[in-house]
Amino acid sequence: MPSRLPIPQDMAALRALCRDLPTADSAAGSAIAAHDSQLTKPPGSLGRLEELALWAGQWQRTGRPRAERVDIIVFAGNHGVTAQGVTPWPSDVTRQMVENFRTGGAAINQIARVAGARLRVVEVEDLRPTADFTHAPAMDEATFLRAVATGMRALQPGTDLLCVGEMGIGNTTAAAAMCAALFGGGGARWAGRGTGLDDAGVRHKAAVIDRALAHHAGAGDPLEILRHVGGHELAAIFGAVLAARYRDIPVLVDGFICTAAVAPLGVMAPDGLAHARLAHCSAEGGHAHLAAELGLTPLLDLGLRLGEGSGAGLAVGLVRAAVACLCGMATFAQAQVSGRE
């Protein structure tokens, strides 16, 4: 695939990119499987680490995958739907947290440092809020395509592994609305506590989602759902994960919001998320349902509901361990250990 992925200029071009996705490198996969069978361990004894090494190599298109250069990108955006009282936090907190990321004071800063990953923060649309999607599309087509392009352009050459994260007051409401539009069940199935709602707040959030669904009934395909009830940072996450597919970069997806952001790709193509792994299952109410709908099995389940890419950052060590075992272990012949008869 070309190192420079064309940036789609209209919805038709974006749909074409989503339909004509590159597939995994089967030759790299065969080479990894053959090498793994000779390592000094019983077959399958490293469990999901073996699958992770195979996954990384197939999408990097090499029998010797790498996990040295890891990028965590936190996409930040604001949401007009906060006018409906779906969160106890003011939208100003998004910008304040972005500054906290940049000065090293957030949880993701510490996790990125421990993981040996490079952390970047991208303010999508300069943190201008989307429209309130209870009575208008969150984004017009031009804004939506621009946000997707922001995500696509955020990838850096030479990245071995991409972790996507988010920050945006109100974005659990956008994510839940997307899930309800894509998979059904209404607001009650998908609305969670977000940044600290009580039971009454969750019920109100569900009702707001239901109003939005009624307003946007018949919005169209999954991309139109993302445009109508998503958010700037969700569109950018979608763009980054789509671009990673074309640039041979495996992806660790963080929690509920990030998974909702990439769900349209999983719905539009049967293997649309094959180059991605779900880093963890969030404690946010709808995430386990969403993972099941998309056929994703989380690597971790730590009760996290922070966002920021925190779960993805924690899963980096698993990928690094998987790659290290595949590429660093001795074979039976090298170690002069007797193999199976």
C-alpha atoms as a PDB file:
ATOM      1  CA  MET A   1       0.000   0.000   0.000  1.00  0.00           C
ATOM      2  CA  PRO A   2       1.234   3.528  -0.689  1.00  0.00           C
ATOM      3  CA  SER A   3       2.907   5.376   2.163  1.00  0.00           C
ATOM      4  CA  ARG A   4       0.753   8.389   1.282  1.00  0.00           C
ATOM      5  CA  LEU A   5      -2.885   7.403   1.557  1.00  0.00           C
ATOM      6  CA  PRO A   6      -5.185   9.652  -0.488  1.00  0.00           C
ATOM      7  CA  ILE A   7      -7.359  11.810   1.743  1.00  0.00           C
ATOM      8  CA  PRO A   8     -10.995  11.341   0.703  1.00  0.00           C
ATOM      9  CA  GLN A   9     -12.594  14.507  -0.581  1.00  0.00           C
ATOM     10  CA  ASP A  10     -16.190  13.279  -0.441  1.00  0.00           C
ATOM     11  CA  MET A  11     -18.315  10.614   1.216  1.00  0.00           C
ATOM     12  CA  ALA A  12     -18.188   8.347  -1.833  1.00  0.00           C
ATOM     13  CA  ALA A  13     -14.392   8.277  -1.749  1.00  0.00           C
ATOM     14  CA  LEU A  14     -14.423   7.517   1.970  1.00  0.00           C
ATOM     15  CA  ARG A  15     -16.898   4.670   1.436  1.00  0.00           C
ATOM     16  CA  ALA A  16     -14.653   3.247  -1.273  1.00  0.00           C
ATOM     17  CA  LEU A  17     -11.686   3.216   1.123  1.00  0.00           C
ATOM     18  CA  CYS A  18     -13.800   1.374   3.694  1.00  0.00           C
ATOM     19  CA  ARG A  19     -14.918  -1.249   1.165  1.00  0.00           C
ATOM     20  CA  ASP A  20     -11.572  -2.008  -0.498  1.00  0.00           C
ATOM     21  CA  LEU A  21      -9.490  -2.754   2.585  1.00  0.00           C
ATOM     22  CA  PRO A  22      -6.067  -4.419   2.461  1.00  0.00           C
ATOM     23  CA  THR A  23      -5.969  -7.955   3.836  1.00  0.00           C
ATOM     24  CA  ALA A  24      -3.485  -9.573   6.219  1.00  0.00           C
ATOM     25  CA  ASP A  25      -0.221 -10.982   4.857  1.00  0.00           C
ATOM     26  CA  SER A  26      -0.777 -14.747   4.831  1.00  0.00           C
ATOM     27  CA  ALA A  27       2.850 -15.483   3.897  1.00  0.00           C
ATOM     28  CA  ALA A  28       4.070 -13.591   6.964  1.00  0.00           C
ATOM     29  CA  GLY A  29       1.536 -15.486   9.045  1.00  0.00           C
ATOM     30  CA  SER A  30       2.764 -18.837   7.744  1.00  0.00           C
ATOM     31  CA  ALA A  31       6.379 -17.897   8.471  1.00  0.00           C
ATOM     32  CA  ILE A  32       5.485 -16.868  12.027  1.00  0.00           C
ATOM     33  CA  ALA A  33       3.524 -20.070  12.643  1.00  0.00           C
ATOM     34  CA  ALA A  34       6.395 -22.208  11.354  1.00  0.00           C
ATOM     35  CA  HIS A  35       8.936 -20.385  13.506  1.00  0.00           C
ATOM     36  CA  ASP A  36       6.696 -20.495  16.578  1.00  0.00           C
ATOM     37  CA  SER A  37       6.380 -24.263  16.255  1.00  0.00           C
ATOM     38  CA  GLN A  38      10.147 -24.591  16.718  1.00  0.00           C
ATOM     39  CA  LEU A  39      10.450 -22.452  19.857  1.00  0.00           C
ATOM     40  CA  THR A  40      11.354 -24.000  23.198  1.00  0.00           C
ATOM     41  CA  LYS A  41       7.839 -24.325  24.568  1.00  0.00           C
ATOM     42  CA  PRO A  42       4.850 -26.596  24.178  1.00  0.00           C
ATOM     43  CA  PRO A  43       2.588 -25.549  21.290  1.00  0.00           C
ATOM     44  CA  GLY A  44       0.066 -22.942  22.380  1.00  0.00           C
ATOM     45  CA  SER A  45       1.564 -22.582  25.835  1.00  0.00           C
ATOM     46  CA  LEU A  46       1.838 -18.790  25.552  1.00  0.00           C
ATOM     47  CA  GLY A  47      -1.876 -18.525  24.845  1.00  0.00           C
ATOM     48  CA  ARG A  48      -3.002 -15.176  23.458  1.00  0.00           C
ATOM     49  CA  LEU A  49       0.573 -13.919  23.312  1.00  0.00           C
ATOM     50  CA  GLU A  50       1.108 -16.275  20.386  1.00  0.00           C
ATOM     51  CA  GLU A  51      -1.960 -14.887  18.641  1.00  0.00           C
ATOM     52  CA  LEU A  52      -0.787 -11.328  19.283  1.00  0.00           C
ATOM     53  CA  ALA A  53       2.601 -11.992  17.718  1.00  0.00           C
ATOM     54  CA  LEU A  54       0.940 -13.572  14.688  1.00  0.00           C
ATOM     55  CA  TRP A  55      -1.486 -10.630  14.422  1.00  0.00           C
ATOM     56  CA  ALA A  56       1.288  -8.033  14.631  1.00  0.00           C
ATOM     57  CA  GLY A  57       3.392  -9.752  11.988  1.00  0.00           C
ATOM     58  CA  GLN A  58       0.535 -10.309   9.552  1.00  0.00           C
ATOM     59  CA  TRP A  59      -0.420  -6.648   9.595  1.00  0.00           C
ATOM     60  CA  GLN A  60       3.157  -5.349   9.597  1.00  0.00           C
ATOM     61  CA  ARG A  61       3.744  -7.791   6.710  1.00  0.00           C
ATOM     62  CA  THR A  62       6.819  -9.410   8.193  1.00  0.00           C
ATOM     63  CA  GLY A  63       7.792 -12.679   9.825  1.00  0.00           C
ATOM     64  CA  ARG A  64       9.640 -10.675  12.468  1.00  0.00           C
ATOM     65  CA  PRO A  65       7.186  -8.128  13.887  1.00  0.00           C
ATOM     66  CA  ARG A  66       8.344  -5.076  15.817  1.00  0.00           C
ATOM     67  CA  ALA A  67       6.983  -3.194  18.801  1.00  0.00           C
ATOM     68  CA  GLU A  68       9.677  -0.581  19.342  1.00  0.00           C
ATOM     69  CA  ARG A  69       7.999   2.583  18.133  1.00  0.00           C
ATOM     70  CA  VAL A  70       4.607   2.840  19.779  1.00  0.00           C
ATOM     71  CA  ASP A  71       2.410   5.914  19.364  1.00  0.00           C
ATOM     72  CA  ILE A  72      -0.469   6.787  21.680  1.00  0.00           C
ATOM     73  CA  ILE A  73      -2.625   9.466  20.085  1.00  0.00           C
ATOM     74  CA  VAL A  74      -5.334  11.101  22.170  1.00  0.00           C
ATOM     75  CA  PHE A  75      -7.907  12.870  20.014  1.00  0.00           C
ATOM     76  CA  ALA A  76      -9.846  15.599  21.820  1.00  0.00           C
ATOM     77  CA  GLY A  77     -13.151  17.177  20.865  1.00  0.00           C
ATOM     78  CA  ASN A  78     -16.186  18.931  22.299  1.00  0.00           C
ATOM     79  CA  HIS A  79     -19.882  18.118  21.970  1.00  0.00           C
ATOM     80  CA  GLY A  80     -22.910  20.336  21.554  1.00  0.00           C
ATOM     81  CA  VAL A  81     -25.141  17.711  23.154  1.00  0.00           C
ATOM     82  CA  THR A  82     -23.769  18.749  26.549  1.00  0.00           C
ATOM     83  CA  ALA A  83     -26.414  21.501  26.363  1.00  0.00           C
ATOM     84  CA  GLN A  84     -28.905  18.743  27.193  1.00  0.00           C
ATOM     85  CA  GLY A  85     -27.426  18.188  30.660  1.00  0.00           C
ATOM     86  CA  VAL A  86     -25.944  14.751  29.928  1.00  0.00           C
ATOM     87  CA  THR A  87     -22.820  15.353  32.022  1.00  0.00           C
ATOM     88  CA  PRO A  88     -22.071  17.112  35.302  1.00  0.00           C
ATOM     89  CA  TRP A  89     -18.838  18.552  33.861  1.00  0.00           C
ATOM     90  CA  PRO A  90     -18.532  21.753  31.796  1.00  0.00           C
ATOM     91  CA  SER A  91     -17.046  21.563  28.296  1.00  0.00           C
ATOM     92  CA  ASP A  92     -14.134  23.745  29.436  1.00  0.00           C
ATOM     93  CA  VAL A  93     -12.731  20.631  31.115  1.00  0.00           C
ATOM     94  CA  THR A  94     -11.803  19.208  27.698  1.00  0.00           C
ATOM     95  CA  ARG A  95      -9.356  22.039  27.030  1.00  0.00           C
ATOM     96  CA  GLN A  96      -8.107  21.967  30.612  1.00  0.00           C
ATOM     97  CA  MET A  97      -7.379  18.246  30.364  1.00  0.00           C
ATOM     98  CA  VAL A  98      -5.614  18.725  27.032  1.00  0.00           C
ATOM     99  CA  GLU A  99      -3.298  21.154  28.808  1.00  0.00           C
ATOM    100  CA  ASN A 100      -2.856  18.615  31.595  1.00  0.00           C
ATOM    101  CA  PHE A 101      -1.770  16.037  29.014  1.00  0.00           C
ATOM    102  CA  ARG A 102       0.708  18.477  27.541  1.00  0.00           C
ATOM    103  CA  THR A 103       2.250  19.294  30.904  1.00  0.00           C
ATOM    104  CA  GLY A 104       2.519  15.648  31.890  1.00  0.00           C
ATOM    105  CA  GLY A 105      -0.027  15.577  34.701  1.00  0.00           C
ATOM    106  CA  ALA A 106      -2.606  13.028  33.524  1.00  0.00           C
ATOM    107  CA  ALA A 107      -2.822   9.282  34.047  1.00  0.00           C
ATOM    108  CA  ILE A 108      -2.045   8.616  30.374  1.00  0.00           C
ATOM    109  CA  ASN A 109       1.235  10.520  30.713  1.00  0.00           C
ATOM    110  CA  GLN A 110       2.360   8.120  33.410  1.00  0.00           C
ATOM    111  CA  ILE A 111       1.122   5.050  31.531  1.00  0.00           C
ATOM    112  CA  ALA A 112       2.798   6.170  28.305  1.00  0.00           C
ATOM    113  CA  ARG A 113       6.071   6.743  30.154  1.00  0.00           C
ATOM    114  CA  VAL A 114       5.979   3.300  31.758  1.00  0.00           C
ATOM    115  CA  ALA A 115       5.047   1.732  28.398  1.00  0.00           C
ATOM    116  CA  GLY A 116       7.863   3.514  26.581  1.00  0.00           C
ATOM    117  CA  ALA A 117       5.356   5.002  24.139  1.00  0.00           C
ATOM    118  CA  ARG A 118       5.257   8.407  22.526  1.00  0.00           C
ATOM    119  CA  LEU A 119       2.143  10.380  23.532  1.00  0.00           C
ATOM    120  CA  ARG A 120       0.564  12.987  21.296  1.00  0.00           C
ATOM    121  CA  VAL A 121      -2.625  14.997  21.733  1.00  0.00           C
ATOM    122  CA  VAL A 122      -4.631  16.231  18.752  1.00  0.00           C
ATOM    123  CA  GLU A 123      -7.284  18.918  19.264  1.00  0.00           C
ATOM    124  CA  VAL A 124      -9.828  18.186  16.556  1.00  0.00           C
ATOM    125  CA  GLU A 125     -11.527  21.223  15.021  1.00  0.00           C
ATOM    126  CA  ASP A 126      -9.724  23.380  17.617  1.00  0.00           C
ATOM    127  CA  LEU A 127     -12.162  22.002  20.223  1.00  0.00           C
ATOM    128  CA  ARG A 128     -15.121  23.799  18.680  1.00  0.00           C
ATOM    129  CA  PRO A 129     -18.208  21.821  19.745  1.00  0.00           C
ATOM    130  CA  THR A 130     -20.276  19.802  17.350  1.00  0.00           C
ATOM    131  CA  ALA A 131     -23.887  20.756  16.822  1.00  0.00           C
ATOM    132  CA  ASP A 132     -26.338  19.476  19.408  1.00  0.00           C
ATOM    133  CA  PHE A 133     -27.372  16.255  17.701  1.00  0.00           C
ATOM    134  CA  THR A 134     -30.789  16.173  19.351  1.00  0.00           C
ATOM    135  CA  HIS A 135     -31.942  18.607  16.669  1.00  0.00           C
ATOM    136  CA  ALA A 136     -29.233  18.712  13.962  1.00  0.00           C
ATOM    137  CA  PRO A 137     -26.462  16.524  12.543  1.00  0.00           C
ATOM    138  CA  ALA A 138     -23.405  16.705  14.784  1.00  0.00           C
ATOM    139  CA  MET A 139     -21.299  17.528  11.709  1.00  0.00           C
ATOM    140  CA  ASP A 140     -21.986  18.645   8.167  1.00  0.00           C
ATOM    141  CA  GLU A 141     -20.208  16.632   5.473  1.00  0.00           C
ATOM    142  CA  ALA A 142     -17.293  19.039   5.089  1.00  0.00           C
ATOM    143  CA  THR A 143     -16.584  19.117   8.823  1.00  0.00           C
ATOM    144  CA  PHE A 144     -16.928  15.349   9.111  1.00  0.00           C
ATOM    145  CA  LEU A 145     -14.495  14.703   6.259  1.00  0.00           C
ATOM    146  CA  ARG A 146     -12.072  17.240   7.713  1.00  0.00           C
ATOM    147  CA  ALA A 147     -12.162  15.474  11.100  1.00  0.00           C
ATOM    148  CA  VAL A 148     -11.600  12.087   9.459  1.00  0.00           C
ATOM    149  CA  ALA A 149      -8.662  13.571   7.537  1.00  0.00           C
ATOM    150  CA  THR A 150      -7.218  14.945  10.792  1.00  0.00           C
ATOM    151  CA  GLY A 151      -7.074  11.403  12.120  1.00  0.00           C
ATOM    152  CA  MET A 152      -5.593  10.016   8.921  1.00  0.00           C
ATOM    153  CA  ARG A 153      -2.848  12.625   8.869  1.00  0.00           C
ATOM    154  CA  ALA A 154      -1.966  12.041  12.531  1.00  0.00           C
ATOM    155  CA  LEU A 155      -0.126   8.792  11.790  1.00  0.00           C
ATOM    156  CA  GLN A 156       3.661   9.026  11.717  1.00  0.00           C
ATOM    157  CA  PRO A 157       5.944   7.046   9.379  1.00  0.00           C
ATOM    158  CA  GLY A 158       7.725   4.149  11.015  1.00  0.00           C
ATOM    159  CA  THR A 159       5.079   3.502  13.669  1.00  0.00           C
ATOM    160  CA  ASP A 160       5.059  -0.154  14.757  1.00  0.00           C
ATOM    161  CA  LEU A 161       1.918  -0.023  16.883  1.00  0.00           C
ATOM    162  CA  LEU A 162      -0.813   2.611  17.217  1.00  0.00           C
ATOM    163  CA  CYS A 163      -2.893   3.171  20.346  1.00  0.00           C
ATOM    164  CA  VAL A 164      -5.928   5.441  20.028  1.00  0.00           C
ATOM    165  CA  GLY A 165      -7.436   7.355  22.926  1.00  0.00           C
ATOM    166  CA  GLU A 166      -9.863  10.220  23.414  1.00  0.00           C
ATOM    167  CA  MET A 167     -10.842  13.154  25.561  1.00  0.00           C
ATOM    168  CA  GLY A 168     -14.130  15.009  25.256  1.00  0.00           C
ATOM    169  CA  ILE A 169     -16.776  16.016  27.763  1.00  0.00           C
ATOM    170  CA  GLY A 170     -20.050  14.519  26.541  1.00  0.00           C
ATOM    171  CA  ASN A 171     -18.507  11.876  24.313  1.00  0.00           C
ATOM    172  CA  THR A 172     -19.987   8.881  26.139  1.00  0.00           C
ATOM    173  CA  THR A 173     -23.371  10.217  25.045  1.00  0.00           C
ATOM    174  CA  ALA A 174     -22.192  10.407  21.432  1.00  0.00           C
ATOM    175  CA  ALA A 175     -20.722   6.909  21.639  1.00  0.00           C
ATOM    176  CA  ALA A 176     -23.909   5.493  23.160  1.00  0.00           C
ATOM    177  CA  ALA A 177     -26.056   7.191  20.507  1.00  0.00           C
ATOM    178  CA  MET A 178     -23.878   5.670  17.786  1.00  0.00           C
ATOM    179  CA  CYS A 179     -24.203   2.201  19.305  1.00  0.00           C
ATOM    180  CA  ALA A 180     -27.964   2.522  19.587  1.00  0.00           C
ATOM    181  CA  ALA A 181     -28.207   3.644  15.954  1.00  0.00           C
ATOM    182  CA  LEU A 182     -25.910   0.865  14.716  1.00  0.00           C
ATOM    183  CA  PHE A 183     -27.100  -2.044  16.845  1.00  0.00           C
ATOM    184  CA  GLY A 184     -30.500  -1.116  18.284  1.00  0.00           C
ATOM    185  CA  GLY A 185     -31.787  -1.335  21.825  1.00  0.00           C
ATOM    186  CA  GLY A 186     -32.370   2.362  22.399  1.00  0.00           C
ATOM    187  CA  GLY A 187     -30.698   4.670  24.865  1.00  0.00           C
ATOM    188  CA  ALA A 188     -31.421   2.459  27.869  1.00  0.00           C
ATOM    189  CA  ARG A 189     -29.198  -0.342  26.522  1.00  0.00           C
ATOM    190  CA  TRP A 190     -26.210   1.893  25.868  1.00  0.00           C
ATOM    191  CA  ALA A 191     -26.260   4.874  28.250  1.00  0.00           C
ATOM    192  CA  GLY A 192     -23.789   4.593  31.119  1.00  0.00           C
ATOM    193  CA  ARG A 193     -22.525   6.721  33.976  1.00  0.00           C
ATOM    194  CA  GLY A 194     -19.815   8.445  31.939  1.00  0.00           C
ATOM    195  CA  THR A 195     -18.049  10.957  34.151  1.00  0.00           C
ATOM    196  CA  GLY A 196     -20.174  10.286  37.203  1.00  0.00           C
ATOM    197  CA  LEU A 197     -23.922  10.376  36.541  1.00  0.00           C
ATOM    198  CA  ASP A 198     -26.304   9.037  39.167  1.00  0.00           C
ATOM    199  CA  ASP A 199     -29.243   6.771  38.262  1.00  0.00           C
ATOM    200  CA  ALA A 200     -31.490   9.688  37.384  1.00  0.00           C
ATOM    201  CA  GLY A 201     -28.745  11.160  35.230  1.00  0.00           C
ATOM    202  CA  VAL A 202     -28.339   7.884  33.316  1.00  0.00           C
ATOM    203  CA  ARG A 203     -32.089   7.762  32.662  1.00  0.00           C
ATOM    204  CA  HIS A 204     -32.015  11.345  31.399  1.00  0.00           C
ATOM    205  CA  LYS A 205     -29.043  10.539  29.170  1.00  0.00           C
ATOM    206  CA  ALA A 206     -30.926   7.562  27.707  1.00  0.00           C
ATOM    207  CA  ALA A 207     -33.929   9.783  26.993  1.00  0.00           C
ATOM    208  CA  VAL A 208     -31.713  12.338  25.231  1.00  0.00           C
ATOM    209  CA  ILE A 209     -30.267   9.561  23.078  1.00  0.00           C
ATOM    210  CA  ASP A 210     -33.729   8.339  22.189  1.00  0.00           C
ATOM    211  CA  ARG A 211     -34.733  11.841  21.097  1.00  0.00           C
ATOM    212  CA  ALA A 212     -31.651  12.022  18.910  1.00  0.00           C
ATOM    213  CA  LEU A 213     -32.392   8.637  17.359  1.00  0.00           C
ATOM    214  CA  ALA A 214     -35.924   9.739  16.531  1.00  0.00           C
ATOM    215  CA  HIS A 215     -34.629  12.943  14.950  1.00  0.00           C
ATOM    216  CA  HIS A 216     -32.047  11.100  12.831  1.00  0.00           C
ATOM    217  CA  ALA A 217     -34.148   8.064  11.931  1.00  0.00           C
ATOM    218  CA  GLY A 218     -33.044   6.861   8.508  1.00  0.00           C
ATOM    219  CA  ALA A 219     -29.719   8.677   8.758  1.00  0.00           C
ATOM    220  CA  GLY A 220     -28.196   6.113   6.402  1.00  0.00           C
ATOM    221  CA  ASP A 221     -25.129   3.925   6.469  1.00  0.00           C
ATOM    222  CA  PRO A 222     -22.641   3.643   9.382  1.00  0.00           C
ATOM    223  CA  LEU A 223     -20.606   6.611   8.134  1.00  0.00           C
ATOM    224  CA  GLU A 224     -23.696   8.793   8.160  1.00  0.00           C
ATOM    225  CA  ILE A 225     -24.486   7.600  11.679  1.00  0.00           C
ATOM    226  CA  LEU A 226     -20.988   8.658  12.757  1.00  0.00           C
ATOM    227  CA  ARG A 227     -21.534  12.037  11.110  1.00  0.00           C
ATOM    228  CA  HIS A 228     -25.011  12.580  12.545  1.00  0.00           C
ATOM    229  CA  VAL A 229     -24.545  11.519  16.185  1.00  0.00           C
ATOM    230  CA  GLY A 230     -20.782  11.144  16.627  1.00  0.00           C
ATOM    231  CA  GLY A 231     -18.202  13.793  17.354  1.00  0.00           C
ATOM    232  CA  HIS A 232     -15.084  15.412  15.937  1.00  0.00           C
ATOM    233  CA  GLU A 233     -12.708  13.237  17.950  1.00  0.00           C
ATOM    234  CA  LEU A 234     -14.677  10.069  17.149  1.00  0.00           C
ATOM    235  CA  ALA A 235     -14.425  10.856  13.432  1.00  0.00           C
ATOM    236  CA  ALA A 236     -10.687  11.460  13.812  1.00  0.00           C
ATOM    237  CA  ILE A 237     -10.230   8.130  15.621  1.00  0.00           C
ATOM    238  CA  PHE A 238     -12.112   6.446  12.786  1.00  0.00           C
ATOM    239  CA  GLY A 239      -9.789   8.128  10.273  1.00  0.00           C
ATOM    240  CA  ALA A 240      -6.646   7.131  12.146  1.00  0.00           C
ATOM    241  CA  VAL A 241      -7.669   3.475  12.406  1.00  0.00           C
ATOM    242  CA  LEU A 242      -8.691   3.395   8.749  1.00  0.00           C
ATOM    243  CA  ALA A 243      -5.356   4.906   7.693  1.00  0.00           C
ATOM    244  CA  ALA A 244      -3.477   2.423   9.892  1.00  0.00           C
ATOM    245  CA  ARG A 245      -5.062  -0.411   7.884  1.00  0.00           C
ATOM    246  CA  TYR A 246      -3.578   0.984   4.680  1.00  0.00           C
ATOM    247  CA  ARG A 247      -0.187   1.782   6.241  1.00  0.00           C
ATOM    248  CA  ASP A 248       0.431  -1.676   7.746  1.00  0.00           C
ATOM    249  CA  ILE A 249       0.132  -0.552  11.374  1.00  0.00           C
ATOM    250  CA  PRO A 250      -1.658  -2.779  13.912  1.00  0.00           C
ATOM    251  CA  VAL A 251      -3.888  -0.890  16.339  1.00  0.00           C
ATOM    252  CA  LEU A 252      -4.832  -1.180  20.004  1.00  0.00           C
ATOM    253  CA  VAL A 253      -8.283   0.303  20.560  1.00  0.00           C
ATOM    254  CA  ASP A 254      -9.033   1.796  23.979  1.00  0.00           C
ATOM    255  CA  GLY A 255     -12.429   1.835  25.730  1.00  0.00           C
ATOM    256  CA  PHE A 256     -16.081   2.468  24.957  1.00  0.00           C
ATOM    257  CA  ILE A 257     -15.734   5.731  23.022  1.00  0.00           C
ATOM    258  CA  CYS A 258     -12.866   4.537  20.834  1.00  0.00           C
ATOM    259  CA  THR A 259     -14.620   1.249  20.124  1.00  0.00           C
ATOM    260  CA  ALA A 260     -17.790   3.085  19.145  1.00  0.00           C
ATOM    261  CA  ALA A 261     -15.724   5.372  16.901  1.00  0.00           C
ATOM    262  CA  VAL A 262     -14.354   2.436  14.890  1.00  0.00           C
ATOM    263  CA  ALA A 263     -17.564   0.373  14.980  1.00  0.00           C
ATOM    264  CA  PRO A 264     -18.701   1.684  11.562  1.00  0.00           C
ATOM    265  CA  LEU A 265     -15.637   0.067   9.981  1.00  0.00           C
ATOM    266  CA  GLY A 266     -16.478  -3.223  11.660  1.00  0.00           C
ATOM    267  CA  VAL A 267     -20.071  -2.993  10.445  1.00  0.00           C
ATOM    268  CA  MET A 268     -19.208  -2.002   6.871  1.00  0.00           C
ATOM    269  CA  ALA A 269     -16.732  -4.839   6.257  1.00  0.00           C
ATOM    270  CA  PRO A 270     -16.693  -8.328   7.823  1.00  0.00           C
ATOM    271  CA  ASP A 271     -12.976  -8.033   8.622  1.00  0.00           C
ATOM    272  CA  GLY A 272     -12.940  -4.252   8.935  1.00  0.00           C
ATOM    273  CA  LEU A 273     -11.330  -4.353  12.381  1.00  0.00           C
ATOM    274  CA  ALA A 274      -9.063  -7.361  11.828  1.00  0.00           C
ATOM    275  CA  HIS A 275      -5.970  -5.151  12.143  1.00  0.00           C
ATOM    276  CA  ALA A 276      -7.180  -3.907  15.552  1.00  0.00           C
ATOM    277  CA  ARG A 277      -7.306  -5.504  18.970  1.00  0.00           C
ATOM    278  CA  LEU A 278      -9.509  -4.349  21.824  1.00  0.00           C
ATOM    279  CA  ALA A 279      -7.128  -3.385  24.618  1.00  0.00           C
ATOM    280  CA  HIS A 280      -9.574  -3.705  27.490  1.00  0.00           C
ATOM    281  CA  CYS A 281     -13.220  -3.903  28.497  1.00  0.00           C
ATOM    282  CA  SER A 282     -14.302  -0.638  30.072  1.00  0.00           C
ATOM    283  CA  ALA A 283     -16.532  -0.447  33.128  1.00  0.00           C
ATOM    284  CA  GLU A 284     -18.749   1.916  31.092  1.00  0.00           C
ATOM    285  CA  GLY A 285     -22.086   0.156  30.800  1.00  0.00           C
ATOM    286  CA  GLY A 286     -22.316  -0.477  27.068  1.00  0.00           C
ATOM    287  CA  HIS A 287     -18.774  -1.531  26.310  1.00  0.00           C
ATOM    288  CA  ALA A 288     -19.180  -5.262  26.909  1.00  0.00           C
ATOM    289  CA  HIS A 289     -22.300  -5.229  24.699  1.00  0.00           C
ATOM    290  CA  LEU A 290     -20.420  -3.346  21.986  1.00  0.00           C
ATOM    291  CA  ALA A 291     -17.450  -5.718  22.090  1.00  0.00           C
ATOM    292  CA  ALA A 292     -19.826  -8.650  21.694  1.00  0.00           C
ATOM    293  CA  GLU A 293     -21.610  -7.009  18.756  1.00  0.00           C
ATOM    294  CA  LEU A 294     -18.276  -6.526  16.988  1.00  0.00           C
ATOM    295  CA  GLY A 295     -16.838  -9.923  17.948  1.00  0.00           C
ATOM    296  CA  LEU A 296     -13.932  -8.352  19.865  1.00  0.00           C
ATOM    297  CA  THR A 297     -12.333 -10.057  22.861  1.00  0.00           C
ATOM    298  CA  PRO A 298     -10.570  -7.613  25.222  1.00  0.00           C
ATOM    299  CA  LEU A 299      -6.997  -8.243  26.258  1.00  0.00           C
ATOM    300  CA  LEU A 300      -7.544  -6.777  29.737  1.00  0.00           C
ATOM    301  CA  ASP A 301     -10.446  -6.245  32.116  1.00  0.00           C
ATOM    302  CA  LEU A 302      -9.342  -3.927  34.915  1.00  0.00           C
ATOM    303  CA  GLY A 303     -12.518  -1.979  35.608  1.00  0.00           C
ATOM    304  CA  LEU A 304     -11.144   1.124  33.885  1.00  0.00           C
ATOM    305  CA  ARG A 305     -13.447   3.895  32.695  1.00  0.00           C
ATOM    306  CA  LEU A 306     -11.057   6.809  32.386  1.00  0.00           C
ATOM    307  CA  GLY A 307     -10.512   6.970  28.640  1.00  0.00           C
ATOM    308  CA  GLU A 308      -7.425   8.905  27.506  1.00  0.00           C
ATOM    309  CA  GLY A 309      -6.043   5.750  25.873  1.00  0.00           C
ATOM    310  CA  SER A 310      -5.216   4.375  29.315  1.00  0.00           C
ATOM    311  CA  GLY A 311      -6.255   0.784  28.624  1.00  0.00           C
ATOM    312  CA  ALA A 312      -4.506   0.751  25.259  1.00  0.00           C
ATOM    313  CA  GLY A 313      -1.321   2.027  26.881  1.00  0.00           C
ATOM    314  CA  LEU A 314      -1.457  -0.727  29.474  1.00  0.00           C
ATOM    315  CA  ALA A 315      -1.847  -3.366  26.753  1.00  0.00           C
ATOM    316  CA  VAL A 316       1.333  -2.252  24.962  1.00  0.00           C
ATOM    317  CA  GLY A 317       3.387  -4.444  27.277  1.00  0.00           C
ATOM    318  CA  LEU A 318       1.438  -7.503  26.186  1.00  0.00           C
ATOM    319  CA  VAL A 319       2.216  -6.869  22.528  1.00  0.00           C
ATOM    320  CA  ARG A 320       5.853  -6.182  23.328  1.00  0.00           C
ATOM    321  CA  ALA A 321       6.081  -9.414  25.319  1.00  0.00           C
ATOM    322  CA  ALA A 322       4.446 -11.363  22.498  1.00  0.00           C
ATOM    323  CA  VAL A 323       6.857  -9.993  19.908  1.00  0.00           C
ATOM    324  CA  ALA A 324       9.861 -10.497  22.203  1.00  0.00           C
ATOM    325  CA  CYS A 325       8.983 -14.144  22.776  1.00  0.00           C
ATOM    326  CA  LEU A 326       8.510 -14.823  19.075  1.00  0.00           C
ATOM    327  CA  CYS A 327      11.700 -13.084  17.993  1.00  0.00           C
ATOM    328  CA  GLY A 328      13.951 -13.718  21.018  1.00  0.00           C
ATOM    329  CA  MET A 329      13.294 -17.252  22.172  1.00  0.00           C
ATOM    330  CA  ALA A 330      15.634 -20.018  21.118  1.00  0.00           C
ATOM    331  CA  THR A 331      14.456 -22.859  18.915  1.00  0.00           C
ATOM    332  CA  PHE A 332      14.785 -26.454  20.092  1.00  0.00           C
ATOM    333  CA  ALA A 333      17.779 -26.849  17.788  1.00  0.00           C
ATOM    334  CA  GLN A 334      19.521 -23.694  18.983  1.00  0.00           C
ATOM    335  CA  ALA A 335      19.051 -24.586  22.637  1.00  0.00           C
ATOM    336  CA  GLN A 336      19.877 -28.250  22.017  1.00  0.00           C
ATOM    337  CA  VAL A 337      16.616 -29.214  23.662  1.00  0.00           C
ATOM    338  CA  SER A 338      14.900 -32.359  22.468  1.00  0.00           C
ATOM    339  CA  GLY A 339      11.709 -31.664  20.569  1.00  0.00           C
ATOM    340  CA  ARG A 340       8.533 -33.690  20.460  1.00  0.00           C
ATOM    341  CA  GLU A 341       8.778 -37.134  18.927  1.00  0.00           C
END
